Amino acid sequence: MSIPHLLVHDRRDNVGVVVVEGLSAGTEMLCVITHDNSDFTLTAKADIPIGHKVALTDLAAGDTIIKYGEDIGRMVGPAETGGHVHVHNMKTKRW
């Protein structure tokens, strides 16, 4: 069995979390949905640090980010499928 690169907590999520060090652009990631242990693959579009998020679909400014099946913030810049999602293009809705 291969070790996953990305964990997705819920099927409704539109981001997953990198769980390996040194994820490089062009890596075909093994992505596991922890809710049901299903998996899929996705290509990383950038070098993405461990603990940071990856877009599972194309995301635009204003889109709501869903993680754990919950609204965790909004995009303030774009991210393509497989792209890096973090503080440079996502913010909380709290302030």
C-alpha atoms as a PDB file:
ATOM      1  CA  MET A   1       0.000   0.000   0.000  1.00  0.00           C
ATOM      2  CA  SER A   2       1.285   3.468  -0.856  1.00  0.00           C
ATOM      3  CA  ILE A   3       1.555   6.219   1.722  1.00  0.00           C
ATOM      4  CA  PRO A   4      -0.896   9.085   1.093  1.00  0.00           C
ATOM      5  CA  HIS A   5       0.379  12.555   0.242  1.00  0.00           C
ATOM      6  CA  LEU A   6      -2.919  14.316   0.969  1.00  0.00           C
ATOM      7  CA  LEU A   7      -5.779  13.740   3.413  1.00  0.00           C
ATOM      8  CA  VAL A   8      -9.332  14.883   2.753  1.00  0.00           C
ATOM      9  CA  HIS A   9     -11.601  14.631   5.780  1.00  0.00           C
ATOM     10  CA  ASP A  10     -15.061  14.712   4.206  1.00  0.00           C
ATOM     11  CA  ARG A  11     -16.453  14.197   0.683  1.00  0.00           C
ATOM     12  CA  ARG A  12     -17.878  17.755   0.787  1.00  0.00           C
ATOM     13  CA  ASP A  13     -14.397  19.278   1.281  1.00  0.00           C
ATOM     14  CA  ASN A  14     -12.869  21.326  -1.516  1.00  0.00           C
ATOM     15  CA  VAL A  15      -9.370  21.272   0.029  1.00  0.00           C
ATOM     16  CA  GLY A  16      -7.136  18.549   1.405  1.00  0.00           C
ATOM     17  CA  VAL A  17      -4.091  18.706   3.702  1.00  0.00           C
ATOM     18  CA  VAL A  18      -0.545  17.731   2.695  1.00  0.00           C
ATOM     19  CA  VAL A  19       0.784  15.065   5.089  1.00  0.00           C
ATOM     20  CA  VAL A  20       4.314  14.521   3.700  1.00  0.00           C
ATOM     21  CA  GLU A  21       7.473  16.647   3.759  1.00  0.00           C
ATOM     22  CA  GLY A  22       8.878  17.995   0.515  1.00  0.00           C
ATOM     23  CA  LEU A  23       5.840  17.733  -1.772  1.00  0.00           C
ATOM     24  CA  SER A  24       7.034  19.015  -5.160  1.00  0.00           C
ATOM     25  CA  ALA A  25       5.155  20.465  -8.112  1.00  0.00           C
ATOM     26  CA  GLY A  26       4.295  17.726 -10.581  1.00  0.00           C
ATOM     27  CA  THR A  27       3.931  14.998  -7.930  1.00  0.00           C
ATOM     28  CA  GLU A  28       0.982  12.704  -8.555  1.00  0.00           C
ATOM     29  CA  MET A  29      -0.473  12.657  -5.053  1.00  0.00           C
ATOM     30  CA  LEU A  30      -2.308   9.748  -3.496  1.00  0.00           C
ATOM     31  CA  CYS A  31      -5.271  11.417  -1.776  1.00  0.00           C
ATOM     32  CA  VAL A  32      -7.280   9.570   0.874  1.00  0.00           C
ATOM     33  CA  ILE A  33     -10.746  10.569   2.088  1.00  0.00           C
ATOM     34  CA  THR A  34     -10.584   9.680   5.779  1.00  0.00           C
ATOM     35  CA  HIS A  35     -14.367   9.504   6.212  1.00  0.00           C
ATOM     36  CA  ASP A  36     -14.657   6.338   4.097  1.00  0.00           C
ATOM     37  CA  ASN A  37     -11.007   5.442   3.347  1.00  0.00           C
ATOM     38  CA  SER A  38     -11.544   5.893  -0.411  1.00  0.00           C
ATOM     39  CA  ASP A  39      -8.789   7.404  -2.526  1.00  0.00           C
ATOM     40  CA  PHE A  40      -8.039   9.290  -5.732  1.00  0.00           C
ATOM     41  CA  THR A  41      -5.027  10.928  -7.371  1.00  0.00           C
ATOM     42  CA  LEU A  42      -4.321  14.577  -8.048  1.00  0.00           C
ATOM     43  CA  THR A  43      -1.245  16.346  -9.438  1.00  0.00           C
ATOM     44  CA  ALA A  44       0.392  19.016  -7.262  1.00  0.00           C
ATOM     45  CA  LYS A  45       0.687  22.289  -9.215  1.00  0.00           C
ATOM     46  CA  ALA A  46       3.244  23.798  -6.801  1.00  0.00           C
ATOM     47  CA  ASP A  47       5.708  22.874  -4.079  1.00  0.00           C
ATOM     48  CA  ILE A  48       3.440  22.676  -1.020  1.00  0.00           C
ATOM     49  CA  PRO A  49       4.669  22.390   2.586  1.00  0.00           C
ATOM     50  CA  ILE A  50       3.382  19.772   4.993  1.00  0.00           C
ATOM     51  CA  GLY A  51       0.224  20.955   6.789  1.00  0.00           C
ATOM     52  CA  HIS A  52      -0.815  23.326   4.008  1.00  0.00           C
ATOM     53  CA  LYS A  53      -3.946  22.889   1.910  1.00  0.00           C
ATOM     54  CA  VAL A  54      -4.402  21.844  -1.720  1.00  0.00           C
ATOM     55  CA  ALA A  55      -7.371  22.852  -3.887  1.00  0.00           C
ATOM     56  CA  LEU A  56      -9.428  19.839  -4.985  1.00  0.00           C
ATOM     57  CA  THR A  57     -11.230  21.950  -7.608  1.00  0.00           C
ATOM     58  CA  ASP A  58     -10.532  25.305  -9.240  1.00  0.00           C
ATOM     59  CA  LEU A  59     -11.179  27.985  -6.611  1.00  0.00           C
ATOM     60  CA  ALA A  60     -11.752  31.693  -7.247  1.00  0.00           C
ATOM     61  CA  ALA A  61     -11.702  34.778  -5.025  1.00  0.00           C
ATOM     62  CA  GLY A  62     -14.882  34.786  -2.943  1.00  0.00           C
ATOM     63  CA  ASP A  63     -15.337  30.985  -2.934  1.00  0.00           C
ATOM     64  CA  THR A  64     -16.038  29.339   0.411  1.00  0.00           C
ATOM     65  CA  ILE A  65     -13.448  26.826   1.605  1.00  0.00           C
ATOM     66  CA  ILE A  66     -14.837  23.599   3.043  1.00  0.00           C
ATOM     67  CA  LYS A  67     -12.647  21.416   5.300  1.00  0.00           C
ATOM     68  CA  TYR A  68     -13.942  18.791   7.757  1.00  0.00           C
ATOM     69  CA  GLY A  69     -17.280  19.314   5.973  1.00  0.00           C
ATOM     70  CA  GLU A  70     -17.369  22.846   7.467  1.00  0.00           C
ATOM     71  CA  ASP A  71     -16.897  26.407   6.196  1.00  0.00           C
ATOM     72  CA  ILE A  72     -13.384  27.450   7.308  1.00  0.00           C
ATOM     73  CA  GLY A  73     -12.941  30.626   5.255  1.00  0.00           C
ATOM     74  CA  ARG A  74     -13.001  32.253   1.853  1.00  0.00           C
ATOM     75  CA  MET A  75     -10.616  32.595  -1.037  1.00  0.00           C
ATOM     76  CA  VAL A  76      -9.105  36.054  -1.560  1.00  0.00           C
ATOM     77  CA  GLY A  77      -7.182  34.895  -4.629  1.00  0.00           C
ATOM     78  CA  PRO A  78      -7.403  31.981  -7.045  1.00  0.00           C
ATOM     79  CA  ALA A  79      -6.040  28.433  -6.811  1.00  0.00           C
ATOM     80  CA  GLU A  80      -6.295  25.904  -9.599  1.00  0.00           C
ATOM     81  CA  THR A  81      -7.020  22.234  -8.958  1.00  0.00           C
ATOM     82  CA  GLY A  82      -3.895  20.863  -7.280  1.00  0.00           C
ATOM     83  CA  GLY A  83      -2.786  24.368  -6.271  1.00  0.00           C
ATOM     84  CA  HIS A  84      -1.553  25.693  -2.933  1.00  0.00           C
ATOM     85  CA  VAL A  85      -4.192  27.140  -0.581  1.00  0.00           C
ATOM     86  CA  HIS A  86      -2.864  29.053   2.428  1.00  0.00           C
ATOM     87  CA  VAL A  87      -2.756  32.582   3.900  1.00  0.00           C
ATOM     88  CA  HIS A  88      -1.658  34.118   0.577  1.00  0.00           C
ATOM     89  CA  ASN A  89      -5.016  33.288  -1.074  1.00  0.00           C
ATOM     90  CA  MET A  90      -7.385  32.296   1.776  1.00  0.00           C
ATOM     91  CA  LYS A  91      -8.667  34.149   4.834  1.00  0.00           C
ATOM     92  CA  THR A  92     -11.008  33.397   7.707  1.00  0.00           C
ATOM     93  CA  LYS A  93     -14.447  34.986   7.556  1.00  0.00           C
ATOM     94  CA  ARG A  94     -14.146  35.980  11.217  1.00  0.00           C
ATOM     95  CA  TRP A  95     -12.444  39.297  10.434  1.00  0.00           C
END
